[in-house]
Amino acid sequence: MNTEQQIAEDDSVYLYCGYSDCRCDDDDQDDEELCTWCGGDGEQENDDPLWHGFDVDFIPCRCCGGTGLRKFQTVF
């Protein structure tokens, strides 16, 4: 299978929403989706160095509790 056939096959799996570069997924309610706040990393930038310390660059995500999963996310 050449590259063009592989791309066409991969594109046929996704639903099209109308945007040229978007690959929409119909299953938005999946519990294994990533946290929308931290993107699944489980960390966010330390935005309060007085509270968390000046030598700490990243802290656990406040929305998902550091898990990186949307099912634990409290703020959207």
C-alpha atoms as a PDB file:
ATOM      1  CA  MET A   1       0.000   0.000   0.000  1.00  0.00           C
ATOM      2  CA  ASN A   2       1.443   3.362  -0.958  1.00  0.00           C
ATOM      3  CA  THR A   3       1.321   6.522   1.144  1.00  0.00           C
ATOM      4  CA  GLU A   4      -1.670   8.052  -0.636  1.00  0.00           C
ATOM      5  CA  GLN A   5      -3.747   4.916  -0.136  1.00  0.00           C
ATOM      6  CA  GLN A   6      -2.804   4.798   3.548  1.00  0.00           C
ATOM      7  CA  ILE A   7      -3.804   8.453   4.060  1.00  0.00           C
ATOM      8  CA  ALA A   8      -7.108   7.900   2.253  1.00  0.00           C
ATOM      9  CA  GLU A   9      -7.810   4.824   4.379  1.00  0.00           C
ATOM     10  CA  ASP A  10      -6.950   6.664   7.609  1.00  0.00           C
ATOM     11  CA  ASP A  11      -9.143   9.634   6.624  1.00  0.00           C
ATOM     12  CA  SER A  12     -12.140   7.400   5.959  1.00  0.00           C
ATOM     13  CA  VAL A  13     -12.266   6.414   9.642  1.00  0.00           C
ATOM     14  CA  TYR A  14     -12.992   9.964  10.835  1.00  0.00           C
ATOM     15  CA  LEU A  15     -16.190  11.951  10.426  1.00  0.00           C
ATOM     16  CA  TYR A  16     -15.857  15.253   8.615  1.00  0.00           C
ATOM     17  CA  CYS A  17     -17.087  18.388  10.406  1.00  0.00           C
ATOM     18  CA  GLY A  18     -16.532  20.844   7.578  1.00  0.00           C
ATOM     19  CA  TYR A  19     -13.126  22.222   8.524  1.00  0.00           C
ATOM     20  CA  SER A  20     -10.345  21.332   6.138  1.00  0.00           C
ATOM     21  CA  ASP A  21      -7.756  20.205   8.717  1.00  0.00           C
ATOM     22  CA  CYS A  22     -10.037  18.805  11.430  1.00  0.00           C
ATOM     23  CA  ARG A  23     -10.504  15.130  12.209  1.00  0.00           C
ATOM     24  CA  CYS A  24     -13.633  14.966  14.321  1.00  0.00           C
ATOM     25  CA  ASP A  25     -14.390  12.020  16.503  1.00  0.00           C
ATOM     26  CA  ASP A  26     -18.040  11.135  17.084  1.00  0.00           C
ATOM     27  CA  ASP A  27     -17.379   9.670  20.530  1.00  0.00           C
ATOM     28  CA  ASP A  28     -16.992  12.765  22.727  1.00  0.00           C
ATOM     29  CA  GLN A  29     -18.324  11.047  25.851  1.00  0.00           C
ATOM     30  CA  ASP A  30     -15.507   8.532  26.189  1.00  0.00           C
ATOM     31  CA  ASP A  31     -14.133   8.384  29.758  1.00  0.00           C
ATOM     32  CA  GLU A  32     -10.600   7.798  28.501  1.00  0.00           C
ATOM     33  CA  GLU A  33     -10.458  11.189  26.790  1.00  0.00           C
ATOM     34  CA  LEU A  34      -7.723  13.574  27.868  1.00  0.00           C
ATOM     35  CA  CYS A  35      -8.210  16.514  30.192  1.00  0.00           C
ATOM     36  CA  THR A  36      -9.001  19.653  28.211  1.00  0.00           C
ATOM     37  CA  TRP A  37      -7.132  21.856  30.678  1.00  0.00           C
ATOM     38  CA  CYS A  38      -3.722  20.144  30.671  1.00  0.00           C
ATOM     39  CA  GLY A  39      -4.044  18.095  27.470  1.00  0.00           C
ATOM     40  CA  GLY A  40      -3.463  14.811  29.273  1.00  0.00           C
ATOM     41  CA  ASP A  41      -0.072  15.754  30.726  1.00  0.00           C
ATOM     42  CA  GLY A  42      -1.405  15.929  34.283  1.00  0.00           C
ATOM     43  CA  GLU A  43       0.657  19.051  34.877  1.00  0.00           C
ATOM     44  CA  GLN A  44       0.214  22.757  34.438  1.00  0.00           C
ATOM     45  CA  GLU A  45       2.575  25.678  34.681  1.00  0.00           C
ATOM     46  CA  ASN A  46       3.140  27.062  38.161  1.00  0.00           C
ATOM     47  CA  ASP A  47       1.142  30.288  38.000  1.00  0.00           C
ATOM     48  CA  ASP A  48       1.515  31.100  41.716  1.00  0.00           C
ATOM     49  CA  PRO A  49       5.192  30.940  42.748  1.00  0.00           C
ATOM     50  CA  LEU A  50       4.409  32.461  46.154  1.00  0.00           C
ATOM     51  CA  TRP A  51       2.161  29.491  46.981  1.00  0.00           C
ATOM     52  CA  HIS A  52       3.982  26.621  45.257  1.00  0.00           C
ATOM     53  CA  GLY A  53       7.527  27.964  45.430  1.00  0.00           C
ATOM     54  CA  PHE A  54       9.838  29.742  43.027  1.00  0.00           C
ATOM     55  CA  ASP A  55      11.832  26.610  42.191  1.00  0.00           C
ATOM     56  CA  VAL A  56       8.758  24.648  41.000  1.00  0.00           C
ATOM     57  CA  ASP A  57       8.042  25.039  37.273  1.00  0.00           C
ATOM     58  CA  PHE A  58       5.081  22.659  36.971  1.00  0.00           C
ATOM     59  CA  ILE A  59       2.378  21.582  39.426  1.00  0.00           C
ATOM     60  CA  PRO A  60      -0.326  18.877  39.183  1.00  0.00           C
ATOM     61  CA  CYS A  61      -3.281  19.947  37.068  1.00  0.00           C
ATOM     62  CA  ARG A  62      -5.967  21.586  39.219  1.00  0.00           C
ATOM     63  CA  CYS A  63      -8.796  20.366  37.015  1.00  0.00           C
ATOM     64  CA  CYS A  64      -8.079  16.636  36.754  1.00  0.00           C
ATOM     65  CA  GLY A  65      -6.039  16.219  39.927  1.00  0.00           C
ATOM     66  CA  GLY A  66      -2.922  15.325  37.957  1.00  0.00           C
ATOM     67  CA  THR A  67      -4.414  12.236  36.278  1.00  0.00           C
ATOM     68  CA  GLY A  68      -4.659  13.739  32.795  1.00  0.00           C
ATOM     69  CA  LEU A  69      -8.062  12.104  32.219  1.00  0.00           C
ATOM     70  CA  ARG A  70     -11.293  13.938  31.421  1.00  0.00           C
ATOM     71  CA  LYS A  71     -13.386  11.690  33.660  1.00  0.00           C
ATOM     72  CA  PHE A  72     -11.683  13.262  36.703  1.00  0.00           C
ATOM     73  CA  GLN A  73     -11.876  16.813  35.352  1.00  0.00           C
ATOM     74  CA  THR A  74     -13.892  19.232  37.504  1.00  0.00           C
ATOM     75  CA  VAL A  75     -13.512  22.438  35.459  1.00  0.00           C
ATOM     76  CA  PHE A  76     -14.117  22.565  31.707  1.00  0.00           C
END
